[in-house]
Protein backbone atom coordinates (compact mmCIF):
# COMPACT_ATOMS: atom_id res chain seq x y z
CA MET A 1 108.90 93.99 105.61
CA LYS A 2 105.49 94.92 104.43
CA ASN A 3 106.73 94.13 100.86
CA ILE A 4 106.94 90.36 101.67
CA THR A 5 103.13 89.93 102.13
CA ASP A 6 102.62 91.47 98.67
CA LEU A 7 105.18 89.22 96.84
CA ASN A 8 104.79 85.86 98.56
CA LEU A 9 103.38 83.03 96.40
CA HIS A 10 101.36 81.45 99.31
CA GLU A 11 100.80 82.17 103.01
CA LYS A 12 103.99 80.52 104.38
CA ASP A 13 106.34 81.42 101.50
CA THR A 14 109.75 82.44 102.73
CA GLY A 15 112.10 80.97 100.22
CA SER A 16 110.89 82.06 96.77
CA SER A 17 113.06 84.43 94.77
CA GLU A 18 110.53 87.18 95.09
CA VAL A 19 110.50 87.04 98.91
CA GLN A 20 114.29 86.78 99.08
CA ILE A 21 114.60 89.88 96.86
CA ALA A 22 112.24 91.74 99.17
CA LEU A 23 114.15 90.73 102.26
CA LEU A 24 117.48 91.69 100.74
CA THR A 25 116.07 95.12 99.58
CA ASP A 26 115.08 95.75 103.23
CA LYS A 27 118.56 94.65 104.40
CA ILE A 28 120.23 96.84 101.76
CA GLN A 29 118.33 99.92 102.81
CA THR A 30 119.17 99.37 106.46
CA LEU A 31 122.88 98.73 105.69
CA SER A 32 123.23 101.67 103.38
CA LYS A 33 121.91 103.94 106.14
CA HIS A 34 124.40 102.45 108.51
CA VAL A 35 127.33 102.71 106.12
CA LYS A 36 126.59 106.39 105.45
CA GLN A 37 126.57 107.10 109.17
CA TYR A 38 129.69 105.02 110.07
CA LYS A 39 132.01 105.43 107.09
CA LYS A 40 134.86 103.47 108.65
CA ASP A 41 132.84 100.31 109.28
CA LYS A 42 134.28 98.14 106.57
CA HIS A 43 132.65 94.86 107.59
CA SER A 44 129.21 96.36 107.17
CA SER A 45 130.21 97.75 103.77
CA VAL A 46 131.36 94.31 102.75
CA GLY A 47 128.03 92.92 103.87
CA LEU A 48 126.22 95.51 101.87
CA LEU A 49 128.10 94.60 98.73
CA LYS A 50 127.38 90.93 99.23
CA ALA A 51 123.61 91.64 99.66
CA VAL A 52 123.60 93.86 96.62
CA ASN A 53 125.31 91.14 94.50
CA LYS A 54 122.97 88.41 95.72
CA ARG A 55 119.91 90.51 94.94
CA LYS A 56 121.29 91.20 91.50
CA LYS A 57 121.85 87.52 90.87
CA LEU A 58 118.29 86.70 91.95
CA LEU A 59 116.86 89.48 89.82
CA ASP A 60 118.83 88.17 86.83
CA TYR A 61 117.33 84.69 87.52
CA LEU A 62 113.80 86.07 87.54
CA LYS A 63 114.50 88.04 84.33
CA LYS A 64 115.49 84.88 82.61
CA ASN A 65 112.81 82.51 83.95
CA LYS A 66 109.79 84.55 85.20
CA ILE A 67 109.65 87.82 83.30
CA GLU A 68 106.22 88.80 84.69
CA SER A 69 107.35 88.25 88.20
CA TYR A 70 110.46 90.28 87.53
CA LYS A 71 108.49 93.19 86.19
CA ASN A 72 106.14 92.98 89.21
CA ILE A 73 108.95 93.14 91.67
CA LEU A 74 110.65 96.08 89.95
CA THR A 75 107.46 98.16 90.20
CA LYS A 76 106.52 97.10 93.86
CA LEU A 77 110.08 97.61 95.21
CA ASN A 78 110.85 100.72 93.23
CA LEU A 79 113.92 99.24 91.77
CA ARG A 80 115.80 100.04 88.54
CA LYS A 81 114.64 100.41 85.03
């Protein structure tokens, strides 16, 4: 959750793509730990896949429209590339 304060555009920013990606990244990390521990929990694995796909779509949006913000997020959140 500490990543949100680094990425928000203003003090009360909760809906920008940058903040949503940070929240989803936190959720993905939590769910992936859970899925590794409880392999038969299919509902959580579906939720994990949905969160990963949503984050991918938001990252694609940033890549097309705000390339500097995209690069900033990749470095701060330690994501791909």
